[in-house]
């Protein structure tokens, strides 16, 4: 079979296979996100604004602010957060004593 044959729309079969392969790989990467990734992304998004509100956390994760912060600090070691991000999180997402 000639993989360079051109379809009726002017696209080669090789191009179609490449784009199908890219779509499959992209779909797999997208669905591999873990709860830790969602927590970190959420925390990262809100950190410059002083952290997420209790209401936003409740809507997105169904947990209290305190539980979110506890969970965030549990998952940070599983992630690839930079030292700068961790310092930012420490400023914004800290539990009172």
PDB file of N, CA and C in Angstrom:
ATOM      1  N   UNK A   1       0.854  -1.179   0.000  1.00  0.00           N
ATOM      2  CA  UNK A   1       0.000   0.000   0.000  1.00  0.00           C
ATOM      3  C   UNK A   1       0.894   1.234   0.000  1.00  0.00           C
ATOM      4  N   UNK A   2       0.531   2.181  -0.829  1.00  0.00           N
ATOM      5  CA  UNK A   2       1.285   3.417  -0.946  1.00  0.00           C
ATOM      6  C   UNK A   2       0.788   4.419   0.098  1.00  0.00           C
ATOM      7  N   UNK A   3       1.619   4.669   1.114  1.00  0.00           N
ATOM      8  CA  UNK A   3       1.190   5.574   2.184  1.00  0.00           C
ATOM      9  C   UNK A   3       1.253   7.029   1.761  1.00  0.00           C
ATOM     10  N   UNK A   4       1.844   7.312   0.615  1.00  0.00           N
ATOM     11  CA  UNK A   4       1.913   8.695   0.151  1.00  0.00           C
ATOM     12  C   UNK A   4       0.801   9.024  -0.829  1.00  0.00           C
ATOM     13  N   UNK A   5      -0.108   8.079  -1.058  1.00  0.00           N
ATOM     14  CA  UNK A   5      -1.231   8.342  -1.959  1.00  0.00           C
ATOM     15  C   UNK A   5      -2.035   9.516  -1.420  1.00  0.00           C
ATOM     16  N   UNK A   6      -2.580  10.289  -2.326  1.00  0.00           N
ATOM     17  CA  UNK A   6      -3.305  11.496  -1.944  1.00  0.00           C
ATOM     18  C   UNK A   6      -4.800  11.197  -1.903  1.00  0.00           C
ATOM     19  N   UNK A   7      -5.451  11.641  -0.848  1.00  0.00           N
ATOM     20  CA  UNK A   7      -6.896  11.463  -0.735  1.00  0.00           C
ATOM     21  C   UNK A   7      -7.606  12.454  -1.634  1.00  0.00           C
ATOM     22  N   UNK A   8      -8.921  12.349  -1.694  1.00  0.00           N
ATOM     23  CA  UNK A   8      -9.699  13.245  -2.540  1.00  0.00           C
ATOM     24  C   UNK A   8      -9.609  14.690  -2.068  1.00  0.00           C
ATOM     25  N   UNK A   9      -9.214  14.923  -0.823  1.00  0.00           N
ATOM     26  CA  UNK A   9      -9.091  16.290  -0.307  1.00  0.00           C
ATOM     27  C   UNK A   9      -7.670  16.833  -0.440  1.00  0.00           C
ATOM     28  N   UNK A  10      -6.795  16.077  -1.058  1.00  0.00           N
ATOM     29  CA  UNK A  10      -5.437  16.553  -1.271  1.00  0.00           C
ATOM     30  C   UNK A  10      -4.504  16.286  -0.092  1.00  0.00           C
ATOM     31  N   UNK A  11      -4.916  15.479   0.857  1.00  0.00           N
ATOM     32  CA  UNK A  11      -4.093  15.149   2.013  1.00  0.00           C
ATOM     33  C   UNK A  11      -3.539  13.754   1.823  1.00  0.00           C
ATOM     34  N   UNK A  12      -2.261  13.589   2.053  1.00  0.00           N
ATOM     35  CA  UNK A  12      -1.686  12.263   1.880  1.00  0.00           C
ATOM     36  C   UNK A  12      -2.082  11.361   3.035  1.00  0.00           C
ATOM     37  N   UNK A  13      -2.082  10.075   2.779  1.00  0.00           N
ATOM     38  CA  UNK A  13      -2.401   9.117   3.842  1.00  0.00           C
ATOM     39  C   UNK A  13      -1.371   9.209   4.963  1.00  0.00           C
ATOM     40  N   UNK A  14      -0.138   9.493   4.601  1.00  0.00           N
ATOM     41  CA  UNK A  14       0.907   9.637   5.609  1.00  0.00           C
ATOM     42  C   UNK A  14       0.588  10.814   6.532  1.00  0.00           C
ATOM     43  N   UNK A  15       0.113  11.916   5.948  1.00  0.00           N
ATOM     44  CA  UNK A  15      -0.279  13.070   6.773  1.00  0.00           C
ATOM     45  C   UNK A  15      -1.427  12.701   7.703  1.00  0.00           C
ATOM     46  N   UNK A  16      -2.385  11.935   7.182  1.00  0.00           N
ATOM     47  CA  UNK A  16      -3.515  11.517   8.010  1.00  0.00           C
ATOM     48  C   UNK A  16      -3.061  10.627   9.153  1.00  0.00           C
ATOM     49  N   UNK A  17      -2.139   9.724   8.865  1.00  0.00           N
ATOM     50  CA  UNK A  17      -1.616   8.847   9.922  1.00  0.00           C
ATOM     51  C   UNK A  17      -0.848   9.646  10.960  1.00  0.00           C
ATOM     52  N   UNK A  18      -0.073  10.602  10.518  1.00  0.00           N
ATOM     53  CA  UNK A  18       0.678  11.438  11.461  1.00  0.00           C
ATOM     54  C   UNK A  18      -0.266  12.205  12.373  1.00  0.00           C
ATOM     55  N   UNK A  19      -1.301  12.816  11.782  1.00  0.00           N
ATOM     56  CA  UNK A  19      -2.220  13.596  12.604  1.00  0.00           C
ATOM     57  C   UNK A  19      -3.030  12.686  13.526  1.00  0.00           C
ATOM     58  N   UNK A  20      -3.372  11.494  13.079  1.00  0.00           N
ATOM     59  CA  UNK A  20      -4.087  10.550  13.940  1.00  0.00           C
ATOM     60  C   UNK A  20      -3.189  10.117  15.099  1.00  0.00           C
ATOM     61  N   UNK A  21      -1.911   9.891  14.807  1.00  0.00           N
ATOM     62  CA  UNK A  21      -0.962   9.526  15.863  1.00  0.00           C
ATOM     63  C   UNK A  21      -0.777  10.649  16.857  1.00  0.00           C
ATOM     64  N   UNK A  22      -0.707  11.878  16.367  1.00  0.00           N
ATOM     65  CA  UNK A  22      -0.567  13.028  17.265  1.00  0.00           C
ATOM     66  C   UNK A  22      -1.794  13.156  18.152  1.00  0.00           C
ATOM     67  N   UNK A  23      -2.983  12.999  17.551  1.00  0.00           N
ATOM     68  CA  UNK A  23      -4.219  13.124  18.321  1.00  0.00           C
ATOM     69  C   UNK A  23      -4.285  12.057  19.406  1.00  0.00           C
ATOM     70  N   UNK A  24      -3.883  10.848  19.090  1.00  0.00           N
ATOM     71  CA  UNK A  24      -3.907   9.767  20.082  1.00  0.00           C
ATOM     72  C   UNK A  24      -2.946  10.072  21.223  1.00  0.00           C
ATOM     73  N   UNK A  25      -1.737  10.486  20.898  1.00  0.00           N
ATOM     74  CA  UNK A  25      -0.756  10.808  21.929  1.00  0.00           C
ATOM     75  C   UNK A  25      -1.220  11.987  22.774  1.00  0.00           C
ATOM     76  N   UNK A  26      -1.795  12.993  22.131  1.00  0.00           N
ATOM     77  CA  UNK A  26      -2.276  14.170  22.853  1.00  0.00           C
ATOM     78  C   UNK A  26      -3.422  13.797  23.792  1.00  0.00           C
ATOM     79  N   UNK A  27      -4.321  12.968  23.321  1.00  0.00           N
ATOM     80  CA  UNK A  27      -5.443  12.519  24.137  1.00  0.00           C
ATOM     81  C   UNK A  27      -4.948  11.751  25.352  1.00  0.00           C
ATOM     82  N   UNK A  28      -3.953  10.890  25.186  1.00  0.00           N
ATOM     83  CA  UNK A  28      -3.413  10.115  26.300  1.00  0.00           C
ATOM     84  C   UNK A  28      -2.747  11.026  27.320  1.00  0.00           C
ATOM     85  N   UNK A  29      -1.984  11.999  26.876  1.00  0.00           N
ATOM     86  CA  UNK A  29      -1.339  12.933  27.804  1.00  0.00           C
ATOM     87  C   UNK A  29      -2.374  13.724  28.573  1.00  0.00           C
ATOM     88  N   UNK A  30      -3.405  14.169  27.892  1.00  0.00           N
ATOM     89  CA  UNK A  30      -4.424  14.997  28.520  1.00  0.00           C
ATOM     90  C   UNK A  30      -5.142  14.242  29.634  1.00  0.00           C
ATOM     91  N   UNK A  31      -5.390  12.969  29.458  1.00  0.00           N
ATOM     92  CA  UNK A  31      -6.136  12.212  30.444  1.00  0.00           C
ATOM     93  C   UNK A  31      -5.254  11.591  31.516  1.00  0.00           C
ATOM     94  N   UNK A  32      -3.964  11.788  31.455  1.00  0.00           N
ATOM     95  CA  UNK A  32      -3.082  11.271  32.482  1.00  0.00           C
ATOM     96  C   UNK A  32      -2.943  12.230  33.652  1.00  0.00           C
ATOM     97  N   UNK A  33      -3.559  13.371  33.572  1.00  0.00           N
ATOM     98  CA  UNK A  33      -3.477  14.329  34.661  1.00  0.00           C
ATOM     99  C   UNK A  33      -4.044  13.699  35.922  1.00  0.00           C
ATOM    100  N   UNK A  34      -3.376  13.946  37.011  1.00  0.00           N
ATOM    101  CA  UNK A  34      -3.795  13.373  38.281  1.00  0.00           C
ATOM    102  C   UNK A  34      -4.447  14.443  39.141  1.00  0.00           C
ATOM    103  N   UNK A  35      -5.015  14.011  40.244  1.00  0.00           N
ATOM    104  CA  UNK A  35      -5.592  14.957  41.185  1.00  0.00           C
ATOM    105  C   UNK A  35      -4.521  15.935  41.666  1.00  0.00           C
ATOM    106  N   UNK A  36      -3.307  15.431  41.845  1.00  0.00           N
ATOM    107  CA  UNK A  36      -2.203  16.300  42.263  1.00  0.00           C
ATOM    108  C   UNK A  36      -1.975  17.401  41.242  1.00  0.00           C
ATOM    109  N   UNK A  37      -2.031  17.058  39.955  1.00  0.00           N
ATOM    110  CA  UNK A  37      -1.848  18.058  38.898  1.00  0.00           C
ATOM    111  C   UNK A  37      -2.935  19.131  38.971  1.00  0.00           C
ATOM    112  N   UNK A  38      -4.173  18.712  39.197  1.00  0.00           N
ATOM    113  CA  UNK A  38      -5.278  19.670  39.285  1.00  0.00           C
ATOM    114  C   UNK A  38      -5.114  20.587  40.495  1.00  0.00           C
ATOM    115  N   UNK A  39      -4.724  20.015  41.625  1.00  0.00           N
ATOM    116  CA  UNK A  39      -4.512  20.822  42.829  1.00  0.00           C
ATOM    117  C   UNK A  39      -3.405  21.852  42.612  1.00  0.00           C
ATOM    118  N   UNK A  40      -2.294  21.393  42.055  1.00  0.00           N
ATOM    119  CA  UNK A  40      -1.155  22.285  41.824  1.00  0.00           C
ATOM    120  C   UNK A  40      -1.521  23.377  40.829  1.00  0.00           C
ATOM    121  N   UNK A  41      -2.159  23.010  39.734  1.00  0.00           N
ATOM    122  CA  UNK A  41      -2.547  24.017  38.732  1.00  0.00           C
ATOM    123  C   UNK A  41      -3.482  25.058  39.333  1.00  0.00           C
ATOM    124  N   UNK A  42      -4.434  24.597  40.119  1.00  0.00           N
ATOM    125  CA  UNK A  42      -5.382  25.499  40.767  1.00  0.00           C
ATOM    126  C   UNK A  42      -4.656  26.426  41.741  1.00  0.00           C
ATOM    127  N   UNK A  43      -3.809  25.847  42.574  1.00  0.00           N
ATOM    128  CA  UNK A  43      -3.044  26.640  43.551  1.00  0.00           C
ATOM    129  C   UNK A  43      -2.128  27.632  42.840  1.00  0.00           C
ATOM    130  N   UNK A  44      -1.503  27.192  41.773  1.00  0.00           N
ATOM    131  CA  UNK A  44      -0.598  28.040  40.985  1.00  0.00           C
ATOM    132  C   UNK A  44      -1.358  29.214  40.367  1.00  0.00           C
ATOM    133  N   UNK A  45      -2.543  28.948  39.864  1.00  0.00           N
ATOM    134  CA  UNK A  45      -3.354  29.995  39.239  1.00  0.00           C
ATOM    135  C   UNK A  45      -3.734  31.081  40.233  1.00  0.00           C
ATOM    136  N   UNK A  46      -4.115  30.681  41.443  1.00  0.00           N
ATOM    137  CA  UNK A  46      -4.618  31.624  42.428  1.00  0.00           C
ATOM    138  C   UNK A  46      -3.535  32.232  43.318  1.00  0.00           C
ATOM    139  N   UNK A  47      -2.358  31.660  43.373  1.00  0.00           N
ATOM    140  CA  UNK A  47      -1.301  32.154  44.273  1.00  0.00           C
ATOM    141  C   UNK A  47      -0.984  33.642  44.087  1.00  0.00           C
ATOM    142  N   UNK A  48      -0.872  34.162  42.864  1.00  0.00           N
ATOM    143  CA  UNK A  48      -0.559  35.591  42.707  1.00  0.00           C
ATOM    144  C   UNK A  48      -1.639  36.522  43.266  1.00  0.00           C
ATOM    145  N   UNK A  49      -2.827  35.976  43.491  1.00  0.00           N
ATOM    146  CA  UNK A  49      -3.942  36.788  43.984  1.00  0.00           C
ATOM    147  C   UNK A  49      -4.219  36.555  45.468  1.00  0.00           C
ATOM    148  N   UNK A  50      -3.273  35.951  46.149  1.00  0.00           N
ATOM    149  CA  UNK A  50      -3.437  35.697  47.571  1.00  0.00           C
ATOM    150  C   UNK A  50      -4.097  34.366  47.882  1.00  0.00           C
ATOM    151  N   UNK A  51      -4.246  33.516  46.882  1.00  0.00           N
ATOM    152  CA  UNK A  51      -4.840  32.195  47.077  1.00  0.00           C
ATOM    153  C   UNK A  51      -6.311  32.181  46.713  1.00  0.00           C
ATOM    154  N   UNK A  52      -6.812  30.990  46.526  1.00  0.00           N
ATOM    155  CA  UNK A  52      -8.218  30.809  46.163  1.00  0.00           C
ATOM    156  C   UNK A  52      -9.100  31.042  47.380  1.00  0.00           C
ATOM    157  N   UNK A  53     -10.326  31.430  47.116  1.00  0.00           N
ATOM    158  CA  UNK A  53     -11.280  31.634  48.202  1.00  0.00           C
ATOM    159  C   UNK A  53     -11.837  30.282  48.643  1.00  0.00           C
ATOM    160  N   UNK A  54     -12.404  30.276  49.827  1.00  0.00           N
ATOM    161  CA  UNK A  54     -13.064  29.066  50.352  1.00  0.00           C
ATOM    162  C   UNK A  54     -14.142  28.604  49.378  1.00  0.00           C
ATOM    163  N   UNK A  55     -14.888  29.550  48.821  1.00  0.00           N
ATOM    164  CA  UNK A  55     -15.969  29.208  47.890  1.00  0.00           C
ATOM    165  C   UNK A  55     -15.435  28.553  46.615  1.00  0.00           C
ATOM    166  N   UNK A  56     -14.365  29.117  46.035  1.00  0.00           N
ATOM    167  CA  UNK A  56     -13.790  28.534  44.822  1.00  0.00           C
ATOM    168  C   UNK A  56     -13.286  27.114  45.074  1.00  0.00           C
ATOM    169  N   UNK A  57     -12.646  26.922  46.206  1.00  0.00           N
ATOM    170  CA  UNK A  57     -12.136  25.592  46.554  1.00  0.00           C
ATOM    171  C   UNK A  57     -13.291  24.608  46.732  1.00  0.00           C
ATOM    172  N   UNK A  58     -14.331  25.053  47.398  1.00  0.00           N
ATOM    173  CA  UNK A  58     -15.487  24.190  47.609  1.00  0.00           C
ATOM    174  C   UNK A  58     -16.132  23.802  46.279  1.00  0.00           C
ATOM    175  N   UNK A  59     -16.269  24.759  45.378  1.00  0.00           N
ATOM    176  CA  UNK A  59     -16.885  24.493  44.074  1.00  0.00           C
ATOM    177  C   UNK A  59     -16.026  23.538  43.247  1.00  0.00           C
ATOM    178  N   UNK A  60     -14.718  23.750  43.215  1.00  0.00           N
ATOM    179  CA  UNK A  60     -13.841  22.951  42.359  1.00  0.00           C
ATOM    180  C   UNK A  60     -13.475  21.595  42.952  1.00  0.00           C
ATOM    181  N   UNK A  61     -13.322  21.521  44.258  1.00  0.00           N
ATOM    182  CA  UNK A  61     -12.811  20.290  44.863  1.00  0.00           C
ATOM    183  C   UNK A  61     -13.733  19.671  45.907  1.00  0.00           C
ATOM    184  N   UNK A  62     -14.767  20.389  46.316  1.00  0.00           N
ATOM    185  CA  UNK A  62     -15.692  19.846  47.293  1.00  0.00           C
ATOM    186  C   UNK A  62     -15.074  19.661  48.662  1.00  0.00           C
ATOM    187  N   UNK A  63     -14.152  20.545  49.022  1.00  0.00           N
ATOM    188  CA  UNK A  63     -13.509  20.453  50.327  1.00  0.00           C
ATOM    189  C   UNK A  63     -13.313  21.845  50.909  1.00  0.00           C
ATOM    190  N   UNK A  64     -13.077  21.876  52.197  1.00  0.00           N
ATOM    191  CA  UNK A  64     -12.833  23.151  52.860  1.00  0.00           C
ATOM    192  C   UNK A  64     -11.464  23.681  52.475  1.00  0.00           C
ATOM    193  N   UNK A  65     -11.245  24.959  52.764  1.00  0.00           N
ATOM    194  CA  UNK A  65      -9.946  25.569  52.487  1.00  0.00           C
ATOM    195  C   UNK A  65      -8.854  24.824  53.255  1.00  0.00           C
ATOM    196  N   UNK A  66      -9.112  24.526  54.530  1.00  0.00           N
ATOM    197  CA  UNK A  66      -8.113  23.835  55.355  1.00  0.00           C
ATOM    198  C   UNK A  66      -7.755  22.465  54.771  1.00  0.00           C
ATOM    199  N   UNK A  67      -8.762  21.705  54.365  1.00  0.00           N
ATOM    200  CA  UNK A  67      -8.504  20.383  53.778  1.00  0.00           C
ATOM    201  C   UNK A  67      -7.747  20.519  52.467  1.00  0.00           C
ATOM    202  N   UNK A  68      -8.083  21.526  51.668  1.00  0.00           N
ATOM    203  CA  UNK A  68      -7.365  21.773  50.415  1.00  0.00           C
ATOM    204  C   UNK A  68      -5.887  22.015  50.681  1.00  0.00           C
ATOM    205  N   UNK A  69      -5.600  22.871  51.650  1.00  0.00           N
ATOM    206  CA  UNK A  69      -4.207  23.197  51.970  1.00  0.00           C
ATOM    207  C   UNK A  69      -3.472  21.955  52.475  1.00  0.00           C
ATOM    208  N   UNK A  70      -4.110  21.181  53.340  1.00  0.00           N
ATOM    209  CA  UNK A  70      -3.480  19.947  53.828  1.00  0.00           C
ATOM    210  C   UNK A  70      -3.177  19.008  52.670  1.00  0.00           C
ATOM    211  N   UNK A  71      -4.150  18.850  51.796  1.00  0.00           N
ATOM    212  CA  UNK A  71      -3.987  17.958  50.642  1.00  0.00           C
ATOM    213  C   UNK A  71      -2.923  18.488  49.682  1.00  0.00           C
ATOM    214  N   UNK A  72      -2.912  19.786  49.474  1.00  0.00           N
ATOM    215  CA  UNK A  72      -1.910  20.399  48.607  1.00  0.00           C
ATOM    216  C   UNK A  72      -0.506  20.049  49.086  1.00  0.00           C
ATOM    217  N   UNK A  73      -0.260  20.208  50.376  1.00  0.00           N
ATOM    218  CA  UNK A  73       1.074  19.933  50.908  1.00  0.00           C
ATOM    219  C   UNK A  73       1.406  18.448  50.898  1.00  0.00           C
ATOM    220  N   UNK A  74       0.399  17.599  50.900  1.00  0.00           N
ATOM    221  CA  UNK A  74       0.653  16.158  50.781  1.00  0.00           C
ATOM    222  C   UNK A  74       1.083  15.776  49.368  1.00  0.00           C
ATOM    223  N   UNK A  75       0.546  16.470  48.353  1.00  0.00           N
ATOM    224  CA  UNK A  75       0.836  16.087  46.963  1.00  0.00           C
ATOM    225  C   UNK A  75       2.042  16.804  46.367  1.00  0.00           C
ATOM    226  N   UNK A  76       2.475  17.882  46.965  1.00  0.00           N
ATOM    227  CA  UNK A  76       3.611  18.632  46.397  1.00  0.00           C
ATOM    228  C   UNK A  76       4.834  17.744  46.143  1.00  0.00           C
ATOM    229  N   UNK A  77       5.198  16.833  47.041  1.00  0.00           N
ATOM    230  CA  UNK A  77       6.357  15.979  46.748  1.00  0.00           C
ATOM    231  C   UNK A  77       6.201  15.101  45.501  1.00  0.00           C
ATOM    232  N   UNK A  78       4.972  14.832  45.074  1.00  0.00           N
ATOM    233  CA  UNK A  78       4.720  14.007  43.879  1.00  0.00           C
ATOM    234  C   UNK A  78       4.830  14.808  42.590  1.00  0.00           C
ATOM    235  N   UNK A  79       4.975  16.100  42.696  1.00  0.00           N
ATOM    236  CA  UNK A  79       4.923  16.960  41.522  1.00  0.00           C
ATOM    237  C   UNK A  79       6.299  17.513  41.197  1.00  0.00           C
ATOM    238  N   UNK A  80       6.350  18.268  40.133  1.00  0.00           N
ATOM    239  CA  UNK A  80       7.599  18.888  39.708  1.00  0.00           C
ATOM    240  C   UNK A  80       7.580  20.386  39.978  1.00  0.00           C
ATOM    241  N   UNK A  81       7.056  20.766  41.124  1.00  0.00           N
ATOM    242  CA  UNK A  81       7.011  22.182  41.488  1.00  0.00           C
ATOM    243  C   UNK A  81       8.424  22.716  41.653  1.00  0.00           C
ATOM    244  N   UNK A  82       8.613  23.934  41.217  1.00  0.00           N
ATOM    245  CA  UNK A  82       9.906  24.581  41.402  1.00  0.00           C
ATOM    246  C   UNK A  82      10.009  25.110  42.827  1.00  0.00           C
ATOM    247  N   UNK A  83      11.210  25.416  43.247  1.00  0.00           N
ATOM    248  CA  UNK A  83      11.421  25.988  44.577  1.00  0.00           C
ATOM    249  C   UNK A  83      10.665  27.310  44.715  1.00  0.00           C
ATOM    250  N   UNK A  84      10.648  28.082  43.648  1.00  0.00           N
ATOM    251  CA  UNK A  84       9.935  29.365  43.663  1.00  0.00           C
ATOM    252  C   UNK A  84       8.440  29.157  43.878  1.00  0.00           C
ATOM    253  N   UNK A  85       7.862  28.163  43.209  1.00  0.00           N
ATOM    254  CA  UNK A  85       6.445  27.875  43.400  1.00  0.00           C
ATOM    255  C   UNK A  85       6.163  27.415  44.826  1.00  0.00           C
ATOM    256  N   UNK A  86       7.022  26.583  45.354  1.00  0.00           N
ATOM    257  CA  UNK A  86       6.828  26.098  46.720  1.00  0.00           C
ATOM    258  C   UNK A  86       6.894  27.248  47.710  1.00  0.00           C
ATOM    259  N   UNK A  87       7.814  28.180  47.501  1.00  0.00           N
ATOM    260  CA  UNK A  87       7.888  29.362  48.373  1.00  0.00           C
ATOM    261  C   UNK A  87       6.609  30.194  48.254  1.00  0.00           C
ATOM    262  N   UNK A  88       6.117  30.337  47.037  1.00  0.00           N
ATOM    263  CA  UNK A  88       4.872  31.075  46.823  1.00  0.00           C
ATOM    264  C   UNK A  88       3.716  30.390  47.538  1.00  0.00           C
ATOM    265  N   UNK A  89       3.633  29.075  47.410  1.00  0.00           N
ATOM    266  CA  UNK A  89       2.583  28.323  48.091  1.00  0.00           C
ATOM    267  C   UNK A  89       2.713  28.462  49.606  1.00  0.00           C
ATOM    268  N   UNK A  90       3.940  28.468  50.102  1.00  0.00           N
ATOM    269  CA  UNK A  90       4.156  28.571  51.549  1.00  0.00           C
ATOM    270  C   UNK A  90       3.656  29.900  52.081  1.00  0.00           C
ATOM    271  N   UNK A  91       3.737  30.935  51.258  1.00  0.00           N
ATOM    272  CA  UNK A  91       3.257  32.258  51.662  1.00  0.00           C
ATOM    273  C   UNK A  91       1.734  32.320  51.661  1.00  0.00           C
ATOM    274  N   UNK A  92       1.129  31.708  50.664  1.00  0.00           N
ATOM    275  CA  UNK A  92      -0.313  31.834  50.458  1.00  0.00           C
ATOM    276  C   UNK A  92      -1.112  30.713  51.121  1.00  0.00           C
ATOM    277  N   UNK A  93      -0.627  29.493  51.008  1.00  0.00           N
ATOM    278  CA  UNK A  93      -1.365  28.318  51.481  1.00  0.00           C
ATOM    279  C   UNK A  93      -0.704  27.745  52.724  1.00  0.00           C
ATOM    280  N   UNK A  94      -0.882  28.431  53.835  1.00  0.00           N
ATOM    281  CA  UNK A  94      -0.326  27.951  55.085  1.00  0.00           C
ATOM    282  C   UNK A  94      -1.435  27.832  56.115  1.00  0.00           C
ATOM    283  N   UNK A  95      -1.265  26.878  56.968  1.00  0.00           N
ATOM    284  CA  UNK A  95      -2.242  26.667  58.031  1.00  0.00           C
ATOM    285  C   UNK A  95      -1.799  27.443  59.257  1.00  0.00           C
ATOM    286  N   UNK A  96      -2.748  28.074  59.903  1.00  0.00           N
ATOM    287  CA  UNK A  96      -2.449  28.794  61.148  1.00  0.00           C
ATOM    288  C   UNK A  96      -2.178  27.811  62.274  1.00  0.00           C
ATOM    289  N   UNK A  97      -1.509  28.283  63.275  1.00  0.00           N
ATOM    290  CA  UNK A  97      -1.198  27.411  64.412  1.00  0.00           C
ATOM    291  C   UNK A  97      -2.233  27.532  65.491  1.00  0.00           C
TER     292      UNK A  97
END
